[in-house]
C-alpha atoms as a PDB file:
ATOM      1  CA  UNK A   1      -8.333 -20.922  12.577  1.00  0.00           C
ATOM      2  CA  UNK A   2      -9.065 -19.091   9.254  1.00  0.00           C
ATOM      3  CA  UNK A   3     -12.112 -20.457   9.557  1.00  0.00           C
ATOM      4  CA  UNK A   4     -13.039 -17.323  11.112  1.00  0.00           C
ATOM      5  CA  UNK A   5     -12.626 -15.676   7.481  1.00  0.00           C
ATOM      6  CA  UNK A   6     -16.040 -17.678   6.258  1.00  0.00           C
ATOM      7  CA  UNK A   7     -18.368 -15.194   5.360  1.00  0.00           C
ATOM      8  CA  UNK A   8     -16.064 -11.899   5.731  1.00  0.00           C
ATOM      9  CA  UNK A   9     -16.703  -8.814   3.707  1.00  0.00           C
ATOM     10  CA  UNK A  10     -14.034  -6.635   2.756  1.00  0.00           C
ATOM     11  CA  UNK A  11     -15.082  -3.443   1.039  1.00  0.00           C
ATOM     12  CA  UNK A  12     -11.537  -1.949   0.579  1.00  0.00           C
ATOM     13  CA  UNK A  13      -9.081  -3.626  -1.646  1.00  0.00           C
ATOM     14  CA  UNK A  14      -6.670  -2.099  -4.153  1.00  0.00           C
ATOM     15  CA  UNK A  15      -6.777  -4.667  -6.894  1.00  0.00           C
ATOM     16  CA  UNK A  16      -5.796  -4.317 -10.418  1.00  0.00           C
ATOM     17  CA  UNK A  17      -5.821  -3.426 -13.472  1.00  0.00           C
ATOM     18  CA  UNK A  18      -4.436  -0.483 -12.090  1.00  0.00           C
ATOM     19  CA  UNK A  19      -1.791   2.468 -13.110  1.00  0.00           C
ATOM     20  CA  UNK A  20      -0.468   1.625  -9.537  1.00  0.00           C
ATOM     21  CA  UNK A  21       1.438  -1.442  -9.401  1.00  0.00           C
ATOM     22  CA  UNK A  22      -0.657  -4.110  -7.358  1.00  0.00           C
ATOM     23  CA  UNK A  23       0.170  -7.421  -5.714  1.00  0.00           C
ATOM     24  CA  UNK A  24      -2.832  -8.917  -7.206  1.00  0.00           C
ATOM     25  CA  UNK A  25      -5.788  -7.850 -10.229  1.00  0.00           C
ATOM     26  CA  UNK A  26      -9.531  -8.454  -9.336  1.00  0.00           C
ATOM     27  CA  UNK A  27      -9.292 -12.393 -10.418  1.00  0.00           C
ATOM     28  CA  UNK A  28      -7.003 -13.204  -8.190  1.00  0.00           C
ATOM     29  CA  UNK A  29      -8.522 -11.055  -5.636  1.00  0.00           C
ATOM     30  CA  UNK A  30     -12.248 -13.173  -6.338  1.00  0.00           C
ATOM     31  CA  UNK A  31     -10.437 -16.685  -6.326  1.00  0.00           C
ATOM     32  CA  UNK A  32      -8.325 -15.774  -2.816  1.00  0.00           C
ATOM     33  CA  UNK A  33     -11.217 -14.603  -1.143  1.00  0.00           C
ATOM     34  CA  UNK A  34     -13.851 -17.414  -2.591  1.00  0.00           C
ATOM     35  CA  UNK A  35     -10.791 -20.092  -1.350  1.00  0.00           C
ATOM     36  CA  UNK A  36     -10.943 -18.802   2.167  1.00  0.00           C
ATOM     37  CA  UNK A  37     -14.555 -18.387   2.354  1.00  0.00           C
ATOM     38  CA  UNK A  38     -15.452 -14.806   1.930  1.00  0.00           C
ATOM     39  CA  UNK A  39     -18.928 -13.676   1.461  1.00  0.00           C
ATOM     40  CA  UNK A  40     -17.661 -10.392  -0.932  1.00  0.00           C
ATOM     41  CA  UNK A  41     -14.901  -8.004  -1.431  1.00  0.00           C
ATOM     42  CA  UNK A  42     -15.215  -4.296  -3.332  1.00  0.00           C
ATOM     43  CA  UNK A  43     -11.993  -2.975  -5.398  1.00  0.00           C
ATOM     44  CA  UNK A  44     -11.009   0.130  -5.219  1.00  0.00           C
ATOM     45  CA  UNK A  45      -8.672   2.460  -7.341  1.00  0.00           C
ATOM     46  CA  UNK A  46      -7.577   6.046  -6.792  1.00  0.00           C
ATOM     47  CA  UNK A  47      -7.554   6.352 -10.754  1.00  0.00           C
ATOM     48  CA  UNK A  48     -10.267   4.558 -12.542  1.00  0.00           C
ATOM     49  CA  UNK A  49     -13.924   3.109 -11.768  1.00  0.00           C
ATOM     50  CA  UNK A  50     -13.301  -0.544 -11.062  1.00  0.00           C
ATOM     51  CA  UNK A  51     -16.948  -2.096 -12.056  1.00  0.00           C
ATOM     52  CA  UNK A  52     -15.680  -3.017 -15.294  1.00  0.00           C
ATOM     53  CA  UNK A  53     -13.018  -5.342 -14.485  1.00  0.00           C
ATOM     54  CA  UNK A  54     -15.200  -6.801 -11.347  1.00  0.00           C
ATOM     55  CA  UNK A  55     -17.871  -7.945 -13.511  1.00  0.00           C
ATOM     56  CA  UNK A  56     -15.821  -9.865 -15.651  1.00  0.00           C
ATOM     57  CA  UNK A  57     -13.966 -11.387 -12.709  1.00  0.00           C
ATOM     58  CA  UNK A  58     -17.270 -12.252 -11.353  1.00  0.00           C
ATOM     59  CA  UNK A  59     -18.910 -13.607 -14.527  1.00  0.00           C
ATOM     60  CA  UNK A  60     -15.703 -16.060 -15.103  1.00  0.00           C
ATOM     61  CA  UNK A  61     -14.400 -16.378 -11.111  1.00  0.00           C
ATOM     62  CA  UNK A  62     -17.656 -16.063  -9.644  1.00  0.00           C
ATOM     63  CA  UNK A  63     -20.938 -18.044  -8.134  1.00  0.00           C
ATOM     64  CA  UNK A  64     -23.384 -17.306  -5.664  1.00  0.00           C
ATOM     65  CA  UNK A  65     -21.386 -17.429  -2.724  1.00  0.00           C
ATOM     66  CA  UNK A  66     -19.132 -14.494  -2.999  1.00  0.00           C
ATOM     67  CA  UNK A  67     -19.483 -11.520  -5.286  1.00  0.00           C
ATOM     68  CA  UNK A  68     -16.612  -9.080  -6.141  1.00  0.00           C
ATOM     69  CA  UNK A  69     -17.903  -5.343  -6.293  1.00  0.00           C
ATOM     70  CA  UNK A  70     -16.183  -2.363  -7.929  1.00  0.00           C
ATOM     71  CA  UNK A  71     -16.813   1.362  -7.086  1.00  0.00           C
ATOM     72  CA  UNK A  72     -15.639   4.898  -7.913  1.00  0.00           C
ATOM     73  CA  UNK A  73     -13.342   7.861  -6.892  1.00  0.00           C
ATOM     74  CA  UNK A  74     -14.199  11.030  -7.418  1.00  0.00           C
ATOM     75  CA  UNK A  75     -10.585  12.296  -8.169  1.00  0.00           C
ATOM     76  CA  UNK A  76      -9.031  14.266 -10.992  1.00  0.00           C
ATOM     77  CA  UNK A  77      -9.148  11.384 -13.425  1.00  0.00           C
ATOM     78  CA  UNK A  78     -12.861  11.115 -13.088  1.00  0.00           C
ATOM     79  CA  UNK A  79     -13.384  14.451 -13.549  1.00  0.00           C
ATOM     80  CA  UNK A  80     -13.684  15.098  -9.827  1.00  0.00           C
ATOM     81  CA  UNK A  81     -17.567  16.160  -9.002  1.00  0.00           C
ATOM     82  CA  UNK A  82     -18.657  14.493 -12.575  1.00  0.00           C
ATOM     83  CA  UNK A  83     -22.435  13.593 -12.141  1.00  0.00           C
ATOM     84  CA  UNK A  84     -22.338  11.596 -15.465  1.00  0.00           C
ATOM     85  CA  UNK A  85     -19.083   9.852 -14.419  1.00  0.00           C
ATOM     86  CA  UNK A  86     -20.619   8.949 -11.058  1.00  0.00           C
ATOM     87  CA  UNK A  87     -24.074   7.855 -12.630  1.00  0.00           C
ATOM     88  CA  UNK A  88     -22.589   5.764 -14.918  1.00  0.00           C
ATOM     89  CA  UNK A  89     -20.157   3.717 -12.107  1.00  0.00           C
ATOM     90  CA  UNK A  90     -23.853   3.033 -10.175  1.00  0.00           C
ATOM     91  CA  UNK A  91     -25.699   1.554 -13.017  1.00  0.00           C
ATOM     92  CA  UNK A  92     -22.529  -0.704 -14.138  1.00  0.00           C
ATOM     93  CA  UNK A  93     -23.298  -1.828 -10.036  1.00  0.00           C
ATOM     94  CA  UNK A  94     -20.674   0.716  -8.441  1.00  0.00           C
ATOM     95  CA  UNK A  95     -21.797   0.487  -4.466  1.00  0.00           C
ATOM     96  CA  UNK A  96     -19.644   3.016  -3.068  1.00  0.00           C
ATOM     97  CA  UNK A  97     -18.385   6.627  -4.283  1.00  0.00           C
ATOM     98  CA  UNK A  98     -15.135   8.202  -2.429  1.00  0.00           C
ATOM     99  CA  UNK A  99     -14.576  11.887  -2.291  1.00  0.00           C
ATOM    100  CA  UNK A 100     -11.366  12.843  -3.448  1.00  0.00           C
ATOM    101  CA  UNK A 101      -8.257  10.696  -1.966  1.00  0.00           C
ATOM    102  CA  UNK A 102      -4.923  11.656  -4.605  1.00  0.00           C
ATOM    103  CA  UNK A 103      -6.559  14.699  -5.818  1.00  0.00           C
ATOM    104  CA  UNK A 104      -7.384  16.037  -2.323  1.00  0.00           C
ATOM    105  CA  UNK A 105      -4.354  18.608  -0.874  1.00  0.00           C
ATOM    106  CA  UNK A 106      -4.656  17.141   2.466  1.00  0.00           C
ATOM    107  CA  UNK A 107      -3.386  13.728   0.890  1.00  0.00           C
ATOM    108  CA  UNK A 108      -0.500  15.261  -1.536  1.00  0.00           C
ATOM    109  CA  UNK A 109       0.145  17.427   1.770  1.00  0.00           C
ATOM    110  CA  UNK A 110       0.761  14.687   3.904  1.00  0.00           C
ATOM    111  CA  UNK A 111       2.508  12.056   1.722  1.00  0.00           C
ATOM    112  CA  UNK A 112       5.023  15.021   1.159  1.00  0.00           C
ATOM    113  CA  UNK A 113       6.276  14.366  -2.477  1.00  0.00           C
ATOM    114  CA  UNK A 114       4.977  11.809  -4.801  1.00  0.00           C
ATOM    115  CA  UNK A 115       2.545   9.232  -3.721  1.00  0.00           C
ATOM    116  CA  UNK A 116       3.863   5.568  -4.517  1.00  0.00           C
ATOM    117  CA  UNK A 117       0.086   4.854  -5.958  1.00  0.00           C
ATOM    118  CA  UNK A 118       0.324   7.258  -8.987  1.00  0.00           C
ATOM    119  CA  UNK A 119       2.282   4.457 -10.969  1.00  0.00           C
ATOM    120  CA  UNK A 120       3.751   6.345 -14.139  1.00  0.00           C
ATOM    121  CA  UNK A 121       1.241   9.294 -14.186  1.00  0.00           C
ATOM    122  CA  UNK A 122       3.034  12.446 -15.449  1.00  0.00           C
ATOM    123  CA  UNK A 123       0.111  15.209 -15.203  1.00  0.00           C
ATOM    124  CA  UNK A 124       0.610  16.428 -11.481  1.00  0.00           C
ATOM    125  CA  UNK A 125      -3.087  16.814  -9.743  1.00  0.00           C
ATOM    126  CA  UNK A 126      -5.173  20.103  -9.585  1.00  0.00           C
ATOM    127  CA  UNK A 127      -4.993  19.721  -5.808  1.00  0.00           C
ATOM    128  CA  UNK A 128      -9.114  19.780  -4.534  1.00  0.00           C
ATOM    129  CA  UNK A 129     -10.261  21.710  -0.680  1.00  0.00           C
ATOM    130  CA  UNK A 130     -13.643  21.082  -1.432  1.00  0.00           C
ATOM    131  CA  UNK A 131     -14.812  23.164   1.668  1.00  0.00           C
ATOM    132  CA  UNK A 132     -13.202  26.237   2.137  1.00  0.00           C
ATOM    133  CA  UNK A 133     -12.198  28.494   5.760  1.00  0.00           C
ATOM    134  CA  UNK A 134     -15.915  29.667   5.607  1.00  0.00           C
ATOM    135  CA  UNK A 135     -17.431  25.813   5.561  1.00  0.00           C
ATOM    136  CA  UNK A 136     -19.016  27.065   2.455  1.00  0.00           C
ATOM    137  CA  UNK A 137     -19.229  23.003   0.147  1.00  0.00           C
ATOM    138  CA  UNK A 138     -18.129  23.074  -3.619  1.00  0.00           C
ATOM    139  CA  UNK A 139     -21.919  23.469  -5.216  1.00  0.00           C
ATOM    140  CA  UNK A 140     -20.292  20.503  -7.657  1.00  0.00           C
ATOM    141  CA  UNK A 141     -19.665  18.466  -4.266  1.00  0.00           C
ATOM    142  CA  UNK A 142     -23.073  19.095  -2.819  1.00  0.00           C
ATOM    143  CA  UNK A 143     -24.682  18.016  -6.292  1.00  0.00           C
ATOM    144  CA  UNK A 144     -23.048  14.547  -6.222  1.00  0.00           C
ATOM    145  CA  UNK A 145     -24.067  14.534  -2.388  1.00  0.00           C
ATOM    146  CA  UNK A 146     -27.838  14.550  -3.531  1.00  0.00           C
ATOM    147  CA  UNK A 147     -27.702  12.540  -6.138  1.00  0.00           C
ATOM    148  CA  UNK A 148     -25.999   9.932  -3.809  1.00  0.00           C
ATOM    149  CA  UNK A 149     -28.916  10.395  -1.774  1.00  0.00           C
ATOM    150  CA  UNK A 150     -31.330   9.746  -4.191  1.00  0.00           C
ATOM    151  CA  UNK A 151     -29.576   6.620  -5.207  1.00  0.00           C
ATOM    152  CA  UNK A 152     -29.255   5.646  -1.481  1.00  0.00           C
ATOM    153  CA  UNK A 153     -25.453   4.788  -2.358  1.00  0.00           C
ATOM    154  CA  UNK A 154     -22.525   4.515   0.326  1.00  0.00           C
ATOM    155  CA  UNK A 155     -20.674   7.348   0.598  1.00  0.00           C
ATOM    156  CA  UNK A 156     -17.017   6.794   1.412  1.00  0.00           C
ATOM    157  CA  UNK A 157     -14.905  10.161   2.799  1.00  0.00           C
ATOM    158  CA  UNK A 158     -11.887  10.243   1.053  1.00  0.00           C
ATOM    159  CA  UNK A 159      -8.661  11.888   1.945  1.00  0.00           C
ATOM    160  CA  UNK A 160      -9.563  15.244   2.721  1.00  0.00           C
ATOM    161  CA  UNK A 161      -9.023  17.221   5.737  1.00  0.00           C
ATOM    162  CA  UNK A 162     -10.170  16.668   9.542  1.00  0.00           C
ATOM    163  CA  UNK A 163     -12.266  19.931   8.611  1.00  0.00           C
ATOM    164  CA  UNK A 164     -13.877  18.847   5.078  1.00  0.00           C
ATOM    165  CA  UNK A 165     -14.915  15.101   6.132  1.00  0.00           C
ATOM    166  CA  UNK A 166     -16.555  16.916   9.441  1.00  0.00           C
ATOM    167  CA  UNK A 167     -18.640  19.356   7.146  1.00  0.00           C
ATOM    168  CA  UNK A 168     -19.353  16.615   4.461  1.00  0.00           C
ATOM    169  CA  UNK A 169     -20.142  14.341   6.840  1.00  0.00           C
ATOM    170  CA  UNK A 170     -22.764  16.746   8.219  1.00  0.00           C
ATOM    171  CA  UNK A 171     -23.977  18.043   4.962  1.00  0.00           C
ATOM    172  CA  UNK A 172     -24.510  14.441   3.334  1.00  0.00           C
ATOM    173  CA  UNK A 173     -26.537  13.536   6.771  1.00  0.00           C
ATOM    174  CA  UNK A 174     -28.448  16.714   6.020  1.00  0.00           C
ATOM    175  CA  UNK A 175     -28.851  15.957   2.318  1.00  0.00           C
ATOM    176  CA  UNK A 176     -30.508  12.810   3.071  1.00  0.00           C
ATOM    177  CA  UNK A 177     -27.739  10.393   2.278  1.00  0.00           C
ATOM    178  CA  UNK A 178     -28.014   7.063   4.563  1.00  0.00           C
ATOM    179  CA  UNK A 179     -24.276   5.656   3.985  1.00  0.00           C
ATOM    180  CA  UNK A 180     -21.069   6.752   4.908  1.00  0.00           C
ATOM    181  CA  UNK A 181     -18.205   5.185   5.566  1.00  0.00           C
ATOM    182  CA  UNK A 182     -15.398   7.242   7.021  1.00  0.00           C
ATOM    183  CA  UNK A 183     -12.017   6.298   5.711  1.00  0.00           C
ATOM    184  CA  UNK A 184      -9.147   5.555   7.728  1.00  0.00           C
ATOM    185  CA  UNK A 185      -9.930   8.817  10.082  1.00  0.00           C
ATOM    186  CA  UNK A 186      -7.223   7.632  12.323  1.00  0.00           C
ATOM    187  CA  UNK A 187      -4.427   7.878   9.566  1.00  0.00           C
ATOM    188  CA  UNK A 188      -4.246  10.739   6.797  1.00  0.00           C
ATOM    189  CA  UNK A 189      -7.362  12.641   8.128  1.00  0.00           C
ATOM    190  CA  UNK A 190      -5.829  13.722  11.113  1.00  0.00           C
ATOM    191  CA  UNK A 191      -9.150  13.516  13.150  1.00  0.00           C
ATOM    192  CA  UNK A 192      -9.078  13.551  16.932  1.00  0.00           C
ATOM    193  CA  UNK A 193     -10.752  10.621  17.841  1.00  0.00           C
ATOM    194  CA  UNK A 194     -13.112  12.496  20.119  1.00  0.00           C
ATOM    195  CA  UNK A 195     -14.149  13.695  16.999  1.00  0.00           C
ATOM    196  CA  UNK A 196     -14.145  10.304  15.119  1.00  0.00           C
ATOM    197  CA  UNK A 197     -16.647   9.374  18.186  1.00  0.00           C
ATOM    198  CA  UNK A 198     -18.650  12.284  17.093  1.00  0.00           C
ATOM    199  CA  UNK A 199     -18.959  11.012  13.285  1.00  0.00           C
ATOM    200  CA  UNK A 200     -19.750   7.267  14.841  1.00  0.00           C
ATOM    201  CA  UNK A 201     -22.829   8.964  17.034  1.00  0.00           C
ATOM    202  CA  UNK A 202     -23.826  10.317  13.605  1.00  0.00           C
ATOM    203  CA  UNK A 203     -24.309   7.131  12.465  1.00  0.00           C
ATOM    204  CA  UNK A 204     -21.557   6.904  10.211  1.00  0.00           C
ATOM    205  CA  UNK A 205     -19.241   3.692   9.827  1.00  0.00           C
ATOM    206  CA  UNK A 206     -15.682   4.214  10.550  1.00  0.00           C
ATOM    207  CA  UNK A 207     -13.222   2.092   8.869  1.00  0.00           C
ATOM    208  CA  UNK A 208     -10.425   0.171  10.602  1.00  0.00           C
ATOM    209  CA  UNK A 209      -8.192  -0.633   7.942  1.00  0.00           C
ATOM    210  CA  UNK A 210      -4.636  -3.269   7.936  1.00  0.00           C
ATOM    211  CA  UNK A 211      -2.514  -1.543   5.655  1.00  0.00           C
ATOM    212  CA  UNK A 212      -1.406   1.193   7.863  1.00  0.00           C
ATOM    213  CA  UNK A 213      -1.103  -0.807  10.770  1.00  0.00           C
ATOM    214  CA  UNK A 214       3.272  -1.316  11.335  1.00  0.00           C
ATOM    215  CA  UNK A 215       3.744  -5.021  11.631  1.00  0.00           C
ATOM    216  CA  UNK A 216       0.611  -6.223   9.736  1.00  0.00           C
ATOM    217  CA  UNK A 217       1.745  -4.193   6.438  1.00  0.00           C
ATOM    218  CA  UNK A 218       4.953  -3.601   4.675  1.00  0.00           C
ATOM    219  CA  UNK A 219       3.577   0.117   4.101  1.00  0.00           C
ATOM    220  CA  UNK A 220       2.179   0.126   7.892  1.00  0.00           C
ATOM    221  CA  UNK A 221       3.118   3.659   9.968  1.00  0.00           C
ATOM    222  CA  UNK A 222       0.541   3.775  12.400  1.00  0.00           C
ATOM    223  CA  UNK A 223       1.263   1.952  16.128  1.00  0.00           C
ATOM    224  CA  UNK A 224      -0.365  -0.726  17.300  1.00  0.00           C
ATOM    225  CA  UNK A 225      -1.844   1.571  20.634  1.00  0.00           C
ATOM    226  CA  UNK A 226      -4.110   3.646  18.271  1.00  0.00           C
ATOM    227  CA  UNK A 227      -6.756   0.735  18.895  1.00  0.00           C
ATOM    228  CA  UNK A 228      -7.050   1.453  22.094  1.00  0.00           C
ATOM    229  CA  UNK A 229      -8.333   5.117  20.923  1.00  0.00           C
ATOM    230  CA  UNK A 230     -10.475   3.893  18.675  1.00  0.00           C
ATOM    231  CA  UNK A 231     -12.085   1.169  20.498  1.00  0.00           C
ATOM    232  CA  UNK A 232     -12.404   3.139  23.559  1.00  0.00           C
ATOM    233  CA  UNK A 233     -14.407   6.432  21.055  1.00  0.00           C
ATOM    234  CA  UNK A 234     -16.478   4.068  18.848  1.00  0.00           C
ATOM    235  CA  UNK A 235     -18.492   0.854  19.757  1.00  0.00           C
ATOM    236  CA  UNK A 236     -18.274  -2.130  17.922  1.00  0.00           C
ATOM    237  CA  UNK A 237     -21.266  -1.396  16.303  1.00  0.00           C
ATOM    238  CA  UNK A 238     -20.046   1.861  13.976  1.00  0.00           C
ATOM    239  CA  UNK A 239     -16.361  -0.001  13.182  1.00  0.00           C
ATOM    240  CA  UNK A 240     -15.876  -1.556   9.761  1.00  0.00           C
ATOM    241  CA  UNK A 241     -13.071  -4.067   9.044  1.00  0.00           C
ATOM    242  CA  UNK A 242     -11.145  -4.270   5.590  1.00  0.00           C
ATOM    243  CA  UNK A 243      -7.637  -4.479   4.525  1.00  0.00           C
ATOM    244  CA  UNK A 244      -6.899  -1.946   2.370  1.00  0.00           C
ATOM    245  CA  UNK A 245      -4.458  -4.285   0.900  1.00  0.00           C
ATOM    246  CA  UNK A 246      -3.141  -4.883  -2.812  1.00  0.00           C
ATOM    247  CA  UNK A 247      -0.228  -2.272  -2.636  1.00  0.00           C
ATOM    248  CA  UNK A 248       2.683  -3.910  -4.671  1.00  0.00           C
ATOM    249  CA  UNK A 249       4.904  -6.067  -2.080  1.00  0.00           C
ATOM    250  CA  UNK A 250       2.397  -6.136   0.360  1.00  0.00           C
ATOM    251  CA  UNK A 251       1.170  -9.531  -0.136  1.00  0.00           C
ATOM    252  CA  UNK A 252      -2.164 -11.173  -0.550  1.00  0.00           C
ATOM    253  CA  UNK A 253      -5.201  -9.130   0.861  1.00  0.00           C
ATOM    254  CA  UNK A 254      -6.758 -12.269   2.091  1.00  0.00           C
ATOM    255  CA  UNK A 255      -3.458 -13.289   4.133  1.00  0.00           C
ATOM    256  CA  UNK A 256      -3.108  -9.572   5.233  1.00  0.00           C
ATOM    257  CA  UNK A 257      -7.005  -9.367   6.859  1.00  0.00           C
ATOM    258  CA  UNK A 258      -6.082 -13.023   8.757  1.00  0.00           C
ATOM    259  CA  UNK A 259      -2.660 -11.423  10.199  1.00  0.00           C
ATOM    260  CA  UNK A 260      -5.011  -8.552  11.439  1.00  0.00           C
ATOM    261  CA  UNK A 261      -7.804 -10.521  12.950  1.00  0.00           C
ATOM    262  CA  UNK A 262      -5.707 -12.679  14.745  1.00  0.00           C
ATOM    263  CA  UNK A 263      -3.433  -9.458  16.012  1.00  0.00           C
ATOM    264  CA  UNK A 264      -7.238  -8.077  17.029  1.00  0.00           C
ATOM    265  CA  UNK A 265      -7.787 -10.459  18.921  1.00  0.00           C
ATOM    266  CA  UNK A 266      -4.471 -11.743  20.624  1.00  0.00           C
ATOM    267  CA  UNK A 267      -3.670  -7.971  21.441  1.00  0.00           C
ATOM    268  CA  UNK A 268      -7.013  -6.255  22.200  1.00  0.00           C
ATOM    269  CA  UNK A 269      -9.490  -8.837  23.245  1.00  0.00           C
ATOM    270  CA  UNK A 270     -12.029  -9.505  20.046  1.00  0.00           C
ATOM    271  CA  UNK A 271     -14.153 -12.338  20.358  1.00  0.00           C
ATOM    272  CA  UNK A 272     -14.734 -14.123  17.122  1.00  0.00           C
ATOM    273  CA  UNK A 273     -18.303 -12.375  17.909  1.00  0.00           C
ATOM    274  CA  UNK A 274     -16.620  -8.992  17.739  1.00  0.00           C
ATOM    275  CA  UNK A 275     -15.104  -9.595  14.351  1.00  0.00           C
ATOM    276  CA  UNK A 276     -18.089 -11.574  12.710  1.00  0.00           C
ATOM    277  CA  UNK A 277     -20.027  -7.835  13.646  1.00  0.00           C
ATOM    278  CA  UNK A 278     -17.145  -5.721  12.719  1.00  0.00           C
ATOM    279  CA  UNK A 279     -16.203  -7.712   9.369  1.00  0.00           C
ATOM    280  CA  UNK A 280     -19.351  -9.006   8.505  1.00  0.00           C
ATOM    281  CA  UNK A 281     -22.630  -8.059   9.796  1.00  0.00           C
ATOM    282  CA  UNK A 282     -21.795  -4.022   9.628  1.00  0.00           C
ATOM    283  CA  UNK A 283     -20.144  -4.005   6.214  1.00  0.00           C
ATOM    284  CA  UNK A 284     -22.913  -6.087   5.019  1.00  0.00           C
ATOM    285  CA  UNK A 285     -25.389  -3.581   6.157  1.00  0.00           C
ATOM    286  CA  UNK A 286     -23.705  -1.244   4.838  1.00  0.00           C
ATOM    287  CA  UNK A 287     -23.810  -2.189   1.240  1.00  0.00           C
ATOM    288  CA  UNK A 288     -27.219  -3.982   1.886  1.00  0.00           C
ATOM    289  CA  UNK A 289     -25.759  -7.520   0.829  1.00  0.00           C
ATOM    290  CA  UNK A 290     -28.401 -10.084   1.519  1.00  0.00           C
END
């Protein structure tokens, strides 16, 4: 049955090293993914670009059957909307740049206290809202979007509010950004499914991730019924399936992904072709993986 994992592309894994406690590092991840027949994995860290340790993992544990890619998240720890930071990450192979996650005011408000992923950090976040109440975006954020459009880089929308994400998607498209992945809009973001469907109609891919679902993940909080609404409002052609695994105590991301795929097929009737579309074809197209 695990044959279905062959060719899988997971664009959201939290592998170490990191200030946060992680169950796997990038070397563990690429070895497990390669053994399962994955085509690619992408590592995300909230505090530090992952391009360096992904390059090392690729060199020593990868081959021409699998790639491990790095990324950057534009939080305070990298200088927020820091063009030099994103340019450096891009030139070292970063495939995705996410807008603020742990530095977003919406993220902190929804976690109602210390975020477990912050590890031993002793400096508080300077909370970010990059679109004001009048809908005006931070000029530095606009410059980042212009850079991403020029480089044809993938935009991950991050953990801002639905208000911020809506303006971000529209501004990104206006500026010529062609590749957009909306971070788990059904979790933390607070977007109505009707709005999520509108983002998909604009051409954005919508993330469907395993780690937020009860019974699939030790940290999951969403009931399974969210899938009914997601599939009602968003066509499979605009969905990207990933794990979002790696948290301490949450087990191997490959195993978690397999559990999620099994549940989607059993509980929502997704076919092997459906899984191939949302877990292989769509993510490959998003990052232009050959």
